[in-house]
Amino acid sequence: MADTKQQPPAAPPGPAGGEAPFARRIVDTSSSNQEGLSAEQVRFIRHTELQQWGRKSQALRGRNVLTGLAIGAVVVAIYGYTFYSVGRERIMDEMDEEAKRARMGAPKKDAN
């Protein structure tokens, strides 16, 4: 008949340390841990890393330009508003002077 013994659970895939194969670094090019690699493999790895860095830096450069333009637009807007306010203030001062001259030259009324 059938075997009634239970089988032990299967071990999870990957190394015995429990670390999944996709989570660990395969080749460490930053240190001198390249004994098992040929010169062509090391050159290919460095070339690929350089290409990836170039793509990331292009995206970062684009965001930096956009941020710089936004900050520059805010600065120009504040600068322009300041000149606009000062100009209006000068106009208001001139209008106050005209009103003052008009009050001085107007005949006095008994109601005032």
Protein backbone atom coordinates (compact mmCIF):
# COMPACT_ATOMS: atom_id res chain seq x y z
CA MET A 1 0.00 0.00 0.00
CA ALA A 2 0.93 3.62 0.22
CA ASP A 3 3.82 4.82 2.34
CA THR A 4 2.40 6.54 5.47
CA LYS A 5 5.64 8.34 6.41
CA GLN A 6 5.55 12.12 6.00
CA GLN A 7 8.22 13.70 3.85
CA PRO A 8 10.22 16.58 5.41
CA PRO A 9 9.43 20.01 3.89
CA ALA A 10 11.57 20.99 0.93
CA ALA A 11 14.29 23.56 1.54
CA PRO A 12 13.62 27.01 0.06
CA PRO A 13 15.49 27.83 -3.13
CA GLY A 14 18.68 29.81 -2.84
CA PRO A 15 21.74 29.60 -0.62
CA ALA A 16 21.58 28.16 2.86
CA GLY A 17 21.93 31.63 4.41
CA GLY A 18 18.32 32.42 3.48
CA GLU A 19 19.24 35.30 1.19
CA ALA A 20 17.37 35.26 -2.09
CA PRO A 21 19.57 35.15 -5.21
CA PHE A 22 18.12 38.40 -6.60
CA ALA A 23 18.86 40.35 -3.41
CA ARG A 24 22.61 39.87 -3.27
CA ARG A 25 25.23 41.54 -5.40
CA ILE A 26 26.72 39.16 -7.93
CA VAL A 27 29.93 41.04 -8.70
CA ASP A 28 31.54 43.65 -6.51
CA THR A 29 33.56 45.84 -8.88
CA SER A 30 34.35 48.43 -6.22
CA SER A 31 36.83 46.17 -4.40
CA SER A 32 39.59 43.86 -5.49
CA ASN A 33 37.22 40.86 -5.48
CA GLN A 34 37.67 40.17 -9.21
CA GLU A 35 39.95 37.12 -9.21
CA GLY A 36 37.37 34.88 -10.88
CA LEU A 37 36.56 37.30 -13.72
CA SER A 38 38.31 37.74 -17.00
CA ALA A 39 39.48 41.17 -18.15
CA GLU A 40 36.70 41.23 -20.74
CA GLN A 41 34.06 40.56 -18.10
CA VAL A 42 35.39 43.34 -15.85
CA ARG A 43 35.48 45.75 -18.80
CA PHE A 44 31.90 44.83 -19.74
CA ILE A 45 30.67 45.32 -16.16
CA ARG A 46 32.31 48.72 -15.87
CA HIS A 47 31.00 49.76 -19.30
CA THR A 48 27.44 48.74 -18.32
CA GLU A 49 27.65 50.56 -14.99
CA LEU A 50 28.90 53.68 -16.77
CA GLN A 51 25.95 53.58 -19.18
CA GLN A 52 23.50 53.19 -16.29
CA TRP A 53 25.11 56.10 -14.45
CA GLY A 54 24.88 58.22 -17.62
CA ARG A 55 21.14 57.57 -17.96
CA LYS A 56 20.53 58.38 -14.31
CA SER A 57 22.56 61.57 -14.52
CA GLN A 58 20.60 62.73 -17.60
CA ALA A 59 17.32 62.36 -15.68
CA LEU A 60 18.81 64.13 -12.68
CA ARG A 61 20.15 66.94 -14.87
CA GLY A 62 16.69 67.45 -16.36
CA ARG A 63 15.10 67.71 -12.93
CA ASN A 64 17.82 70.12 -11.81
CA VAL A 65 17.19 72.37 -14.82
CA LEU A 66 13.45 72.34 -14.14
CA THR A 67 14.01 73.21 -10.48
CA GLY A 68 16.40 76.02 -11.42
CA LEU A 69 13.90 77.49 -13.87
CA ALA A 70 11.14 77.34 -11.26
CA ILE A 71 13.28 79.10 -8.65
CA GLY A 72 14.36 81.70 -11.23
CA ALA A 73 10.72 82.35 -12.17
CA VAL A 74 9.81 82.92 -8.51
CA VAL A 75 12.72 85.34 -8.07
CA VAL A 76 11.77 87.30 -11.20
CA ALA A 77 8.13 87.42 -10.08
CA ILE A 78 9.07 88.79 -6.65
CA TYR A 79 11.43 91.33 -8.23
CA GLY A 80 8.76 92.45 -10.70
CA TYR A 81 6.08 92.72 -8.03
CA THR A 82 8.42 94.85 -5.90
CA PHE A 83 8.94 97.31 -8.78
CA TYR A 84 5.20 97.32 -9.50
CA SER A 85 4.39 98.11 -5.84
CA VAL A 86 6.97 100.87 -5.61
CA GLY A 87 5.65 102.39 -8.83
CA ARG A 88 2.10 102.37 -7.51
CA GLU A 89 3.26 103.92 -4.27
CA ARG A 90 4.82 106.80 -6.20
CA ILE A 91 1.58 107.28 -8.14
CA MET A 92 -0.41 107.28 -4.89
CA ASP A 93 1.96 109.91 -3.44
CA GLU A 94 1.41 112.10 -6.52
CA MET A 95 -2.35 111.69 -6.21
CA ASP A 96 -2.17 112.64 -2.52
CA GLU A 97 -0.19 115.78 -3.42
CA GLU A 98 -2.75 116.74 -6.08
CA ALA A 99 -5.60 116.20 -3.63
CA LYS A 100 -3.82 118.30 -1.02
CA ARG A 101 -3.27 121.14 -3.52
CA ALA A 102 -6.90 120.92 -4.60
CA ARG A 103 -8.09 121.17 -0.97
CA MET A 104 -5.87 124.19 -0.35
CA GLY A 105 -7.16 126.02 -3.41
CA ALA A 106 -10.84 125.13 -3.02
CA PRO A 107 -13.14 127.69 -1.41
CA LYS A 108 -14.12 126.92 2.16
CA LYS A 109 -17.70 125.84 2.76
CA ASP A 110 -19.72 126.50 5.85
CA ALA A 111 -20.67 122.82 6.16
CA ASN A 112 -17.04 121.72 6.60
